[in-house]
C-alpha atoms as a PDB file:
ATOM      1  CA  MET A   1     332.105  49.329 155.411  1.00  0.00           C
ATOM      2  CA  TYR A   2     333.190  52.067 152.700  1.00  0.00           C
ATOM      3  CA  ASP A   3     331.426  55.259 153.150  1.00  0.00           C
ATOM      4  CA  PHE A   4     330.646  56.959 149.695  1.00  0.00           C
ATOM      5  CA  THR A   5     329.732  60.193 151.780  1.00  0.00           C
ATOM      6  CA  LYS A   6     333.184  60.765 152.917  1.00  0.00           C
ATOM      7  CA  PRO A   7     335.889  59.630 150.498  1.00  0.00           C
ATOM      8  CA  LYS A   8     339.419  60.358 150.560  1.00  0.00           C
ATOM      9  CA  GLN A   9     339.898  62.634 147.480  1.00  0.00           C
ATOM     10  CA  LYS A  10     343.000  63.824 145.945  1.00  0.00           C
ATOM     11  CA  THR A  11     342.742  67.724 145.094  1.00  0.00           C
ATOM     12  CA  LEU A  12     344.625  70.028 142.845  1.00  0.00           C
ATOM     13  CA  PRO A  13     344.968  73.650 143.616  1.00  0.00           C
ATOM     14  CA  VAL A  14     344.701  76.062 140.939  1.00  0.00           C
ATOM     15  CA  LYS A  15     345.236  79.995 140.978  1.00  0.00           C
ATOM     16  CA  LEU A  16     342.729  81.799 138.566  1.00  0.00           C
ATOM     17  CA  LYS A  17     343.549  84.750 136.408  1.00  0.00           C
ATOM     18  CA  ASN A  18     341.589  87.025 139.154  1.00  0.00           C
ATOM     19  CA  GLY A  19     344.030  85.714 141.922  1.00  0.00           C
ATOM     20  CA  LYS A  20     341.380  83.346 143.454  1.00  0.00           C
ATOM     21  CA  VAL A  21     342.590  79.943 144.453  1.00  0.00           C
ATOM     22  CA  ILE A  22     340.329  77.353 143.980  1.00  0.00           C
ATOM     23  CA  VAL A  23     340.768  73.456 144.876  1.00  0.00           C
ATOM     24  CA  LEU A  24     339.635  71.179 142.237  1.00  0.00           C
ATOM     25  CA  LEU A  25     338.126  67.879 143.019  1.00  0.00           C
ATOM     26  CA  PRO A  26     338.616  64.484 140.922  1.00  0.00           C
ATOM     27  CA  PRO A  27     336.608  64.586 137.977  1.00  0.00           C
ATOM     28  CA  ASN A  28     333.133  62.986 137.966  1.00  0.00           C
ATOM     29  CA  GLY A  29     331.816  61.113 135.039  1.00  0.00           C
ATOM     30  CA  TYR A  30     330.537  64.066 133.341  1.00  0.00           C
ATOM     31  CA  VAL A  31     333.677  65.792 133.155  1.00  0.00           C
ATOM     32  CA  LEU A  32     335.580  62.698 131.995  1.00  0.00           C
ATOM     33  CA  GLU A  33     332.871  62.058 129.329  1.00  0.00           C
ATOM     34  CA  ALA A  34     333.280  65.686 128.027  1.00  0.00           C
ATOM     35  CA  ILE A  35     336.916  65.560 127.880  1.00  0.00           C
ATOM     36  CA  SER A  36     336.742  62.359 126.004  1.00  0.00           C
ATOM     37  CA  GLU A  37     334.228  63.989 123.489  1.00  0.00           C
ATOM     38  CA  MET A  38     336.270  66.997 123.215  1.00  0.00           C
ATOM     39  CA  GLN A  39     339.614  64.856 122.061  1.00  0.00           C
ATOM     40  CA  ALA A  40     337.612  62.703 119.581  1.00  0.00           C
ATOM     41  CA  ALA A  41     335.929  66.013 118.193  1.00  0.00           C
ATOM     42  CA  GLU A  42     337.024  67.855 114.755  1.00  0.00           C
ATOM     43  CA  GLU A  43     339.280  70.587 115.098  1.00  0.00           C
ATOM     44  CA  THR A  44     336.653  73.233 114.779  1.00  0.00           C
ATOM     45  CA  GLU A  45     334.273  71.529 117.368  1.00  0.00           C
ATOM     46  CA  THR A  46     337.451  70.970 119.741  1.00  0.00           C
ATOM     47  CA  VAL A  47     338.009  74.494 120.076  1.00  0.00           C
ATOM     48  CA  LYS A  48     334.075  75.204 120.690  1.00  0.00           C
ATOM     49  CA  ASN A  49     333.991  72.602 123.452  1.00  0.00           C
ATOM     50  CA  ILE A  50     337.170  73.385 125.144  1.00  0.00           C
ATOM     51  CA  TYR A  51     335.709  76.347 126.905  1.00  0.00           C
ATOM     52  CA  SER A  52     332.620  74.399 128.076  1.00  0.00           C
ATOM     53  CA  VAL A  53     334.899  71.360 129.473  1.00  0.00           C
ATOM     54  CA  PHE A  54     337.080  74.099 131.109  1.00  0.00           C
ATOM     55  CA  GLN A  55     334.262  75.662 132.806  1.00  0.00           C
ATOM     56  CA  GLN A  56     332.891  72.271 133.990  1.00  0.00           C
ATOM     57  CA  LEU A  57     336.267  71.111 135.535  1.00  0.00           C
ATOM     58  CA  LEU A  58     337.024  74.468 137.229  1.00  0.00           C
ATOM     59  CA  ASN A  59     333.464  74.326 138.554  1.00  0.00           C
ATOM     60  CA  GLN A  60     334.122  70.863 140.349  1.00  0.00           C
ATOM     61  CA  ASN A  61     335.962  72.252 143.153  1.00  0.00           C
ATOM     62  CA  LYS A  62     336.242  72.005 146.904  1.00  0.00           C
ATOM     63  CA  ASN A  63     335.447  75.864 147.422  1.00  0.00           C
ATOM     64  CA  GLY A  64     331.854  75.701 145.934  1.00  0.00           C
ATOM     65  CA  PHE A  65     333.047  78.681 143.728  1.00  0.00           C
ATOM     66  CA  LYS A  66     331.281  79.073 140.646  1.00  0.00           C
ATOM     67  CA  VAL A  67     333.295  80.024 137.482  1.00  0.00           C
ATOM     68  CA  SER A  68     331.213  81.787 134.847  1.00  0.00           C
ATOM     69  CA  ARG A  69     331.056  81.393 131.193  1.00  0.00           C
ATOM     70  CA  ASN A  70     332.786  85.117 130.891  1.00  0.00           C
ATOM     71  CA  ASP A  71     335.608  84.088 133.143  1.00  0.00           C
ATOM     72  CA  VAL A  72     336.418  81.151 131.197  1.00  0.00           C
ATOM     73  CA  LEU A  73     336.252  83.220 128.190  1.00  0.00           C
ATOM     74  CA  SER A  74     338.982  85.551 129.436  1.00  0.00           C
ATOM     75  CA  TYR A  75     341.393  82.575 128.935  1.00  0.00           C
ATOM     76  CA  ASP A  76     343.016  81.714 125.729  1.00  0.00           C
ATOM     77  CA  VAL A  77     343.015  78.448 124.005  1.00  0.00           C
ATOM     78  CA  GLU A  78     346.448  77.332 124.292  1.00  0.00           C
ATOM     79  CA  GLU A  79     346.434  78.208 128.051  1.00  0.00           C
ATOM     80  CA  ILE A  80     343.303  75.841 128.440  1.00  0.00           C
ATOM     81  CA  GLN A  81     344.910  73.111 126.396  1.00  0.00           C
ATOM     82  CA  ASP A  82     348.132  73.072 128.250  1.00  0.00           C
ATOM     83  CA  PHE A  83     346.492  73.261 131.560  1.00  0.00           C
ATOM     84  CA  ILE A  84     344.164  70.332 130.663  1.00  0.00           C
ATOM     85  CA  ALA A  85     346.842  68.241 128.601  1.00  0.00           C
ATOM     86  CA  ASN A  86     349.358  68.614 131.310  1.00  0.00           C
ATOM     87  CA  GLU A  87     348.445  69.649 134.783  1.00  0.00           C
ATOM     88  CA  TYR A  88     344.794  68.434 134.832  1.00  0.00           C
ATOM     89  CA  MET A  89     345.539  65.067 133.138  1.00  0.00           C
ATOM     90  CA  ASP A  90     348.604  64.363 135.370  1.00  0.00           C
ATOM     91  CA  PHE A  91     346.179  65.024 138.414  1.00  0.00           C
ATOM     92  CA  VAL A  92     343.710  62.400 136.852  1.00  0.00           C
ATOM     93  CA  LEU A  93     346.301  59.747 136.000  1.00  0.00           C
ATOM     94  CA  SER A  94     347.726  60.221 139.626  1.00  0.00           C
ATOM     95  CA  ILE A  95     344.173  59.302 141.111  1.00  0.00           C
ATOM     96  CA  GLN A  96     344.049  56.409 138.626  1.00  0.00           C
ATOM     97  CA  LYS A  97     347.723  54.993 139.531  1.00  0.00           C
ATOM     98  CA  ASP A  98     347.113  55.385 143.086  1.00  0.00           C
ATOM     99  CA  PRO A  99     346.204  52.050 144.758  1.00  0.00           C
ATOM    100  CA  ASN A 100     344.296  53.801 147.661  1.00  0.00           C
END
């Protein structure tokens, strides 16, 4: 029997600007949907949405640590785009490719 209450989860450790290390969990449907909407949006909308998406994915962590909107606004758009496009999406793809 597969137990959905105790899934084996891959994680992604991330060190925030304040020095706190959080362990990100795999994205849920809400985060994946938000990333997809952000990628499909017009450029002006993308910049607006990127902070919201970044906050959502950071708040989905094993530590239970909540990242505030003010914390997220301390990052510049390029940092966030680089993280999502490279590190985070590599993490997501590695989960999809893993047969276990």
